[in-house]
PDB file of N, CA and C in Angstrom:
ATOM      1  N   MET A   1     161.552  23.985 119.346  1.00  0.00           N
ATOM      2  CA  MET A   1     161.408  24.354 118.087  1.00  0.00           C
ATOM      3  C   MET A   1     162.859  25.915 117.904  1.00  0.00           C
ATOM      4  N   THR A   2     163.156  25.808 116.702  1.00  0.00           N
ATOM      5  CA  THR A   2     164.396  26.738 116.799  1.00  0.00           C
ATOM      6  C   THR A   2     163.982  28.136 116.161  1.00  0.00           C
ATOM      7  N   ARG A   3     164.615  29.418 116.903  1.00  0.00           N
ATOM      8  CA  ARG A   3     164.030  30.834 116.402  1.00  0.00           C
ATOM      9  C   ARG A   3     164.813  31.253 115.186  1.00  0.00           C
ATOM     10  N   LEU A   4     163.988  31.694 113.970  1.00  0.00           N
ATOM     11  CA  LEU A   4     164.811  32.269 112.898  1.00  0.00           C
ATOM     12  C   LEU A   4     164.175  33.988 112.871  1.00  0.00           C
ATOM     13  N   THR A   5     165.355  34.754 112.833  1.00  0.00           N
ATOM     14  CA  THR A   5     165.089  36.080 112.446  1.00  0.00           C
ATOM     15  C   THR A   5     165.612  36.428 111.265  1.00  0.00           C
ATOM     16  N   ILE A   6     164.891  37.165 110.485  1.00  0.00           N
ATOM     17  CA  ILE A   6     164.443  37.504 109.147  1.00  0.00           C
ATOM     18  C   ILE A   6     164.195  39.329 109.074  1.00  0.00           C
ATOM     19  N   ASP A   7     165.148  39.781 107.963  1.00  0.00           N
ATOM     20  CA  ASP A   7     164.657  41.134 108.044  1.00  0.00           C
ATOM     21  C   ASP A   7     164.280  41.476 106.633  1.00  0.00           C
ATOM     22  N   LEU A   8     163.316  41.661 106.420  1.00  0.00           N
ATOM     23  CA  LEU A   8     162.282  42.191 105.552  1.00  0.00           C
ATOM     24  C   LEU A   8     161.822  43.271 105.035  1.00  0.00           C
ATOM     25  N   PRO A   9     162.257  43.594 103.227  1.00  0.00           N
ATOM     26  CA  PRO A   9     161.848  44.801 103.186  1.00  0.00           C
ATOM     27  C   PRO A   9     160.510  44.888 103.547  1.00  0.00           C
ATOM     28  N   ASP A  10     160.401  46.775 103.713  1.00  0.00           N
ATOM     29  CA  ASP A  10     159.371  47.279 104.226  1.00  0.00           C
ATOM     30  C   ASP A  10     158.193  47.166 103.481  1.00  0.00           C
ATOM     31  N   ASN A  11     158.256  47.063 101.992  1.00  0.00           N
ATOM     32  CA  ASN A  11     156.674  46.851 101.486  1.00  0.00           C
ATOM     33  C   ASN A  11     156.541  45.336 101.675  1.00  0.00           C
ATOM     34  N   LEU A  12     157.651  44.319 101.874  1.00  0.00           N
ATOM     35  CA  LEU A  12     156.978  43.254 101.862  1.00  0.00           C
ATOM     36  C   LEU A  12     156.512  42.713 103.169  1.00  0.00           C
ATOM     37  N   HIS A  13     157.110  43.493 104.241  1.00  0.00           N
ATOM     38  CA  HIS A  13     156.585  43.391 105.588  1.00  0.00           C
ATOM     39  C   HIS A  13     154.959  43.847 105.609  1.00  0.00           C
ATOM     40  N   LYS A  14     154.590  44.708 105.086  1.00  0.00           N
ATOM     41  CA  LYS A  14     153.287  45.470 105.220  1.00  0.00           C
ATOM     42  C   LYS A  14     152.527  44.610 104.198  1.00  0.00           C
ATOM     43  N   ALA A  15     153.009  43.881 103.096  1.00  0.00           N
ATOM     44  CA  ALA A  15     151.982  43.409 102.297  1.00  0.00           C
ATOM     45  C   ALA A  15     151.623  41.923 103.296  1.00  0.00           C
ATOM     46  N   LEU A  16     152.856  41.472 103.485  1.00  0.00           N
ATOM     47  CA  LEU A  16     152.197  39.953 104.792  1.00  0.00           C
ATOM     48  C   LEU A  16     151.452  40.169 105.790  1.00  0.00           C
ATOM     49  N   LYS A  17     151.789  41.406 106.338  1.00  0.00           N
ATOM     50  CA  LYS A  17     150.762  41.956 107.564  1.00  0.00           C
ATOM     51  C   LYS A  17     149.327  41.708 107.021  1.00  0.00           C
ATOM     52  N   SER A  18     149.324  42.492 106.334  1.00  0.00           N
ATOM     53  CA  SER A  18     147.967  42.926 105.342  1.00  0.00           C
ATOM     54  C   SER A  18     147.350  41.627 105.296  1.00  0.00           C
ATOM     55  N   LEU A  19     147.699  40.735 104.387  1.00  0.00           N
ATOM     56  CA  LEU A  19     147.500  39.562 104.290  1.00  0.00           C
ATOM     57  C   LEU A  19     146.969  38.446 105.069  1.00  0.00           C
ATOM     58  N   SER A  20     147.973  38.386 106.184  1.00  0.00           N
ATOM     59  CA  SER A  20     147.699  37.898 107.443  1.00  0.00           C
ATOM     60  C   SER A  20     146.397  38.349 108.098  1.00  0.00           C
ATOM     61  N   VAL A  21     145.952  39.385 108.109  1.00  0.00           N
ATOM     62  CA  VAL A  21     144.886  39.741 108.793  1.00  0.00           C
ATOM     63  C   VAL A  21     143.613  39.270 107.844  1.00  0.00           C
ATOM     64  N   VAL A  22     143.975  39.510 106.363  1.00  0.00           N
ATOM     65  CA  VAL A  22     142.755  38.941 105.578  1.00  0.00           C
ATOM     66  C   VAL A  22     142.644  37.777 105.694  1.00  0.00           C
ATOM     67  N   ASP A  23     144.028  37.030 105.535  1.00  0.00           N
ATOM     68  CA  ASP A  23     143.514  35.613 106.084  1.00  0.00           C
ATOM     69  C   ASP A  23     143.377  34.908 107.133  1.00  0.00           C
ATOM     70  N   GLY A  24     143.237  35.761 108.140  1.00  0.00           N
ATOM     71  CA  GLY A  24     143.201  35.105 109.242  1.00  0.00           C
ATOM     72  C   GLY A  24     143.845  34.464 110.198  1.00  0.00           C
ATOM     73  N   GLN A  25     145.287  34.874 109.663  1.00  0.00           N
ATOM     74  CA  GLN A  25     146.417  33.553 110.042  1.00  0.00           C
ATOM     75  C   GLN A  25     147.372  34.564 110.577  1.00  0.00           C
ATOM     76  N   THR A  26     148.457  34.168 111.335  1.00  0.00           N
ATOM     77  CA  THR A  26     149.808  35.224 112.039  1.00  0.00           C
ATOM     78  C   THR A  26     150.720  34.944 110.886  1.00  0.00           C
ATOM     79  N   MET A  27     151.237  35.849 110.697  1.00  0.00           N
ATOM     80  CA  MET A  27     152.665  36.152 110.182  1.00  0.00           C
ATOM     81  C   MET A  27     153.564  34.770 110.453  1.00  0.00           C
ATOM     82  N   ARG A  28     153.862  34.438 111.356  1.00  0.00           N
ATOM     83  CA  ARG A  28     154.344  33.272 111.637  1.00  0.00           C
ATOM     84  C   ARG A  28     153.739  32.168 111.013  1.00  0.00           C
ATOM     85  N   ASN A  29     152.661  31.984 111.015  1.00  0.00           N
ATOM     86  CA  ASN A  29     152.286  30.548 110.374  1.00  0.00           C
ATOM     87  C   ASN A  29     152.166  30.691 109.045  1.00  0.00           C
ATOM     88  N   ILE A  30     152.265  31.861 108.026  1.00  0.00           N
ATOM     89  CA  ILE A  30     152.218  32.251 106.981  1.00  0.00           C
ATOM     90  C   ILE A  30     153.754  31.800 106.426  1.00  0.00           C
ATOM     91  N   ALA A  31     154.718  32.527 107.285  1.00  0.00           N
ATOM     92  CA  ALA A  31     156.071  32.493 106.777  1.00  0.00           C
ATOM     93  C   ALA A  31     156.661  30.852 107.005  1.00  0.00           C
ATOM     94  N   ILE A  32     155.856  30.091 107.982  1.00  0.00           N
ATOM     95  CA  ILE A  32     156.157  28.639 108.352  1.00  0.00           C
ATOM     96  C   ILE A  32     155.823  27.731 107.006  1.00  0.00           C
ATOM     97  N   SER A  33     154.751  28.269 106.695  1.00  0.00           N
ATOM     98  CA  SER A  33     153.974  27.227 105.401  1.00  0.00           C
ATOM     99  C   SER A  33     154.691  27.395 104.064  1.00  0.00           C
ATOM    100  N   ALA A  34     154.970  29.063 104.016  1.00  0.00           N
ATOM    101  CA  ALA A  34     155.917  29.210 102.555  1.00  0.00           C
ATOM    102  C   ALA A  34     157.334  28.524 102.750  1.00  0.00           C
ATOM    103  N   LEU A  35     157.621  28.360 103.927  1.00  0.00           N
ATOM    104  CA  LEU A  35     159.085  27.837 103.953  1.00  0.00           C
ATOM    105  C   LEU A  35     159.361  26.107 103.834  1.00  0.00           C
ATOM    106  N   GLU A  36     157.625  25.546 104.443  1.00  0.00           N
ATOM    107  CA  GLU A  36     157.665  24.582 104.267  1.00  0.00           C
ATOM    108  C   GLU A  36     157.478  23.858 102.769  1.00  0.00           C
ATOM    109  N   ARG A  37     156.782  24.548 102.499  1.00  0.00           N
ATOM    110  CA  ARG A  37     156.529  24.599 100.760  1.00  0.00           C
ATOM    111  C   ARG A  37     157.891  24.673  99.863  1.00  0.00           C
ATOM    112  N   TYR A  38     158.719  25.703 100.294  1.00  0.00           N
ATOM    113  CA  TYR A  38     159.988  25.812  99.567  1.00  0.00           C
ATOM    114  C   TYR A  38     160.738  24.331  99.558  1.00  0.00           C
ATOM    115  N   ALA A  39     160.754  24.017 100.844  1.00  0.00           N
ATOM    116  CA  ALA A  39     161.646  22.841 101.331  1.00  0.00           C
ATOM    117  C   ALA A  39     161.182  21.557 100.692  1.00  0.00           C
ATOM    118  N   VAL A  40     159.637  21.363 100.365  1.00  0.00           N
ATOM    119  CA  VAL A  40     159.325  20.160 100.019  1.00  0.00           C
ATOM    120  C   VAL A  40     159.419  20.242  98.336  1.00  0.00           C
ATOM    121  N   SER A  41     159.720  21.519  97.615  1.00  0.00           N
ATOM    122  CA  SER A  41     159.753  21.520  96.073  1.00  0.00           C
ATOM    123  C   SER A  41     161.574  21.206  96.127  1.00  0.00           C
ATOM    124  N   ARG A  42     162.360  21.629  97.079  1.00  0.00           N
ATOM    125  CA  ARG A  42     163.630  21.410  97.056  1.00  0.00           C
ATOM    126  C   ARG A  42     163.945  19.520  97.129  1.00  0.00           C
ATOM    127  N   VAL A  43     163.355  19.377  98.329  1.00  0.00           N
ATOM    128  CA  VAL A  43     163.605  17.893  98.382  1.00  0.00           C
ATOM    129  C   VAL A  43     162.754  16.985  98.162  1.00  0.00           C
ATOM    130  N   GLY A  44     161.509  17.351  97.603  1.00  0.00           N
ATOM    131  CA  GLY A  44     160.505  16.341  97.141  1.00  0.00           C
ATOM    132  C   GLY A  44     160.048  15.425  98.489  1.00  0.00           C
ATOM    133  N   LYS A  45     159.869  15.727  99.500  1.00  0.00           N
ATOM    134  CA  LYS A  45     159.189  15.134 100.909  1.00  0.00           C
ATOM    135  C   LYS A  45     158.231  16.238 101.363  1.00  0.00           C
ATOM    136  N   GLU A  46     157.207  15.589 101.699  1.00  0.00           N
ATOM    137  CA  GLU A  46     156.464  16.128 102.791  1.00  0.00           C
ATOM    138  C   GLU A  46     157.255  16.369 104.148  1.00  0.00           C
ATOM    139  N   LYS A  47     157.396  17.542 104.588  1.00  0.00           N
ATOM    140  CA  LYS A  47     157.523  18.226 106.057  1.00  0.00           C
ATOM    141  C   LYS A  47     158.612  16.907 106.533  1.00  0.00           C
ATOM    142  N   ASP A  48     158.737  17.333 107.766  1.00  0.00           N
ATOM    143  CA  ASP A  48     159.895  16.601 108.528  1.00  0.00           C
ATOM    144  C   ASP A  48     160.850  15.909 107.763  1.00  0.00           C
ATOM    145  N   ILE A  49     161.530  16.553 107.195  1.00  0.00           N
ATOM    146  CA  ILE A  49     163.110  16.438 106.609  1.00  0.00           C
ATOM    147  C   ILE A  49     164.107  16.492 108.025  1.00  0.00           C
ATOM    148  N   ASN A  50     164.586  15.349 108.312  1.00  0.00           N
ATOM    149  CA  ASN A  50     165.507  15.722 109.754  1.00  0.00           C
ATOM    150  C   ASN A  50     166.708  16.206 108.949  1.00  0.00           C
ATOM    151  N   GLU A  51     167.705  16.077 110.259  1.00  0.00           N
ATOM    152  CA  GLU A  51     168.991  16.756 110.127  1.00  0.00           C
ATOM    153  C   GLU A  51     169.720  15.708 109.120  1.00  0.00           C
ATOM    154  N   ASN A  52     169.691  14.819 109.774  1.00  0.00           N
ATOM    155  CA  ASN A  52     170.314  13.521 108.810  1.00  0.00           C
ATOM    156  C   ASN A  52     170.291  13.446 107.172  1.00  0.00           C
ATOM    157  N   GLU A  53     168.954  14.015 107.226  1.00  0.00           N
ATOM    158  CA  GLU A  53     168.451  14.135 105.404  1.00  0.00           C
ATOM    159  C   GLU A  53     168.994  15.208 104.818  1.00  0.00           C
ATOM    160  N   ALA A  54     168.900  16.456 105.729  1.00  0.00           N
ATOM    161  CA  ALA A  54     169.563  17.613 105.059  1.00  0.00           C
ATOM    162  C   ALA A  54     170.827  17.559 105.070  1.00  0.00           C
ATOM    163  N   ASP A  55     171.973  16.955 105.753  1.00  0.00           N
ATOM    164  CA  ASP A  55     173.183  16.564 105.675  1.00  0.00           C
ATOM    165  C   ASP A  55     173.816  15.902 104.381  1.00  0.00           C
ATOM    166  N   GLU A  56     172.806  14.944 104.099  1.00  0.00           N
ATOM    167  CA  GLU A  56     172.847  13.873 102.959  1.00  0.00           C
ATOM    168  C   GLU A  56     173.016  14.710 101.649  1.00  0.00           C
ATOM    169  N   LEU A  57     171.987  15.956 101.602  1.00  0.00           N
ATOM    170  CA  LEU A  57     171.807  16.659 100.617  1.00  0.00           C
ATOM    171  C   LEU A  57     173.254  17.556 100.114  1.00  0.00           C
ATOM    172  N   LEU A  58     173.533  17.600 101.415  1.00  0.00           N
ATOM    173  CA  LEU A  58     174.773  18.795 100.919  1.00  0.00           C
ATOM    174  C   LEU A  58     176.128  17.951 101.196  1.00  0.00           C
ATOM    175  N   LYS A  59     176.077  16.530 101.714  1.00  0.00           N
ATOM    176  CA  LYS A  59     177.592  15.968 101.632  1.00  0.00           C
ATOM    177  C   LYS A  59     178.468  15.706 100.426  1.00  0.00           C
ATOM    178  N   PRO A  60     177.829  15.631  98.826  1.00  0.00           N
ATOM    179  CA  PRO A  60     178.549  15.348  97.831  1.00  0.00           C
ATOM    180  C   PRO A  60     179.327  16.655  97.494  1.00  0.00           C
ATOM    181  N   ILE A  61     178.767  17.719  98.017  1.00  0.00           N
ATOM    182  CA  ILE A  61     179.369  19.079  97.399  1.00  0.00           C
ATOM    183  C   ILE A  61     180.231  19.490  98.623  1.00  0.00           C
ATOM    184  N   LEU A  62     179.725  19.129  99.976  1.00  0.00           N
ATOM    185  CA  LEU A  62     181.069  19.407 100.785  1.00  0.00           C
ATOM    186  C   LEU A  62     182.286  18.332 101.203  1.00  0.00           C
ATOM    187  N   LEU A  63     182.031  17.147 100.425  1.00  0.00           N
ATOM    188  CA  LEU A  63     183.152  16.524 100.384  1.00  0.00           C
ATOM    189  C   LEU A  63     184.073  16.448  99.311  1.00  0.00           C
ATOM    190  N   LYS A  64     183.436  17.248  98.059  1.00  0.00           N
ATOM    191  CA  LYS A  64     184.223  17.918  96.962  1.00  0.00           C
ATOM    192  C   LYS A  64     185.119  18.784  97.678  1.00  0.00           C
ATOM    193  N   TYR A  65     184.670  19.680  98.385  1.00  0.00           N
ATOM    194  CA  TYR A  65     185.251  21.131  98.892  1.00  0.00           C
ATOM    195  C   TYR A  65     186.707  20.376  99.904  1.00  0.00           C
ATOM    196  N   VAL A  66     186.128  19.451 100.260  1.00  0.00           N
ATOM    197  CA  VAL A  66     186.993  18.788 101.738  1.00  0.00           C
ATOM    198  C   VAL A  66     188.223  18.339 100.726  1.00  0.00           C
ATOM    199  N   GLU A  67     188.141  17.546  99.838  1.00  0.00           N
ATOM    200  CA  GLU A  67     189.196  17.051  98.949  1.00  0.00           C
ATOM    201  C   GLU A  67     190.126  18.200  98.332  1.00  0.00           C
ATOM    202  N   GLN A  68     189.085  19.447  97.800  1.00  0.00           N
ATOM    203  CA  GLN A  68     189.775  20.360  97.226  1.00  0.00           C
ATOM    204  C   GLN A  68     190.654  20.929  97.874  1.00  0.00           C
ATOM    205  N   ILE A  69     190.417  21.562  99.202  1.00  0.00           N
ATOM    206  CA  ILE A  69     191.336  21.695 100.203  1.00  0.00           C
ATOM    207  C   ILE A  69     192.434  20.899 100.594  1.00  0.00           C
ATOM    208  N   GLU A  70     191.874  19.797 100.692  1.00  0.00           N
ATOM    209  CA  GLU A  70     193.166  18.629 101.087  1.00  0.00           C
ATOM    210  C   GLU A  70     194.196  18.964 100.157  1.00  0.00           C
ATOM    211  N   GLU A  71     193.781  18.736  98.821  1.00  0.00           N
ATOM    212  CA  GLU A  71     194.783  19.180  97.393  1.00  0.00           C
ATOM    213  C   GLU A  71     195.261  20.402  97.278  1.00  0.00           C
ATOM    214  N   GLY A  72     194.805  21.506  98.124  1.00  0.00           N
ATOM    215  CA  GLY A  72     195.152  23.081  98.025  1.00  0.00           C
ATOM    216  C   GLY A  72     195.094  23.222  96.787  1.00  0.00           C
ATOM    217  N   LYS A  73     193.740  22.666  96.258  1.00  0.00           N
ATOM    218  CA  LYS A  73     193.112  23.106  94.841  1.00  0.00           C
ATOM    219  C   LYS A  73     191.951  24.035  95.333  1.00  0.00           C
ATOM    220  N   PHE A  74     191.462  24.525  96.217  1.00  0.00           N
ATOM    221  CA  PHE A  74     190.024  25.045  96.507  1.00  0.00           C
ATOM    222  C   PHE A  74     189.971  26.628  96.294  1.00  0.00           C
ATOM    223  N   GLU A  75     189.253  26.771  95.486  1.00  0.00           N
ATOM    224  CA  GLU A  75     189.079  28.231  95.253  1.00  0.00           C
ATOM    225  C   GLU A  75     187.567  29.033  95.818  1.00  0.00           C
ATOM    226  N   TRP A  76     188.154  30.289  96.381  1.00  0.00           N
ATOM    227  CA  TRP A  76     186.825  30.436  96.995  1.00  0.00           C
ATOM    228  C   TRP A  76     185.487  30.638  95.970  1.00  0.00           C
ATOM    229  N   LYS A  77     184.394  30.622  96.280  1.00  0.00           N
ATOM    230  CA  LYS A  77     183.123  30.994  95.515  1.00  0.00           C
ATOM    231  C   LYS A  77     182.240  31.632  96.199  1.00  0.00           C
ATOM    232  N   SER A  78     181.611  32.308  95.188  1.00  0.00           N
ATOM    233  CA  SER A  78     180.532  33.164  95.663  1.00  0.00           C
ATOM    234  C   SER A  78     179.373  32.410  96.052  1.00  0.00           C
ATOM    235  N   TRP A  79     178.432  33.050  96.873  1.00  0.00           N
ATOM    236  CA  TRP A  79     177.237  32.360  97.313  1.00  0.00           C
ATOM    237  C   TRP A  79     176.199  31.538  96.376  1.00  0.00           C
ATOM    238  N   GLU A  80     176.338  32.718  95.279  1.00  0.00           N
ATOM    239  CA  GLU A  80     175.542  32.344  93.792  1.00  0.00           C
ATOM    240  C   GLU A  80     176.046  31.417  93.216  1.00  0.00           C
ATOM    241  N   GLU A  81     177.553  31.074  93.279  1.00  0.00           N
ATOM    242  CA  GLU A  81     177.936  29.677  92.600  1.00  0.00           C
ATOM    243  C   GLU A  81     177.845  28.579  93.037  1.00  0.00           C
ATOM    244  N   ILE A  82     177.672  28.713  94.630  1.00  0.00           N
ATOM    245  CA  ILE A  82     177.321  27.571  95.428  1.00  0.00           C
ATOM    246  C   ILE A  82     175.889  26.851  94.883  1.00  0.00           C
ATOM    247  N   LYS A  83     175.179  27.946  95.143  1.00  0.00           N
ATOM    248  CA  LYS A  83     173.678  27.558  94.618  1.00  0.00           C
ATOM    249  C   LYS A  83     173.476  27.011  93.575  1.00  0.00           C
ATOM    250  N   LYS A  84     174.115  27.604  92.259  1.00  0.00           N
ATOM    251  CA  LYS A  84     174.011  26.602  91.213  1.00  0.00           C
ATOM    252  C   LYS A  84     174.486  25.022  91.453  1.00  0.00           C
ATOM    253  N   GLU A  85     175.591  25.283  92.269  1.00  0.00           N
ATOM    254  CA  GLU A  85     175.753  23.400  92.263  1.00  0.00           C
ATOM    255  C   GLU A  85     174.576  22.549  92.873  1.00  0.00           C
ATOM    256  N   VAL A  86     174.414  23.127  93.938  1.00  0.00           N
ATOM    257  CA  VAL A  86     173.291  22.728  94.807  1.00  0.00           C
ATOM    258  C   VAL A  86     171.963  22.335  93.777  1.00  0.00           C
ATOM    259  N   GLU A  87     171.828  23.404  92.944  1.00  0.00           N
ATOM    260  CA  GLU A  87     170.456  22.961  92.197  1.00  0.00           C
ATOM    261  C   GLU A  87     170.561  21.949  90.825  1.00  0.00           C
TER     262      GLU A  87
END
């Protein structure tokens, strides 16, 4: 299992902590569940997306960038601009 550290706004952390107590779940399990739902909504597949499948999702965009770099036509983009291409 891989470790992920996330900085949360204080109000979100407090709300998550309270909700975890009310629901009888750990904050970890709530976070994993939320991230799994997000991944399924983006990939359209239940759990267990492997690294190769994740790479395949990014491959067309990365190949385009490699081609632009090789041709000397690459322009830096913000994260927001890259996200729009992926969506």
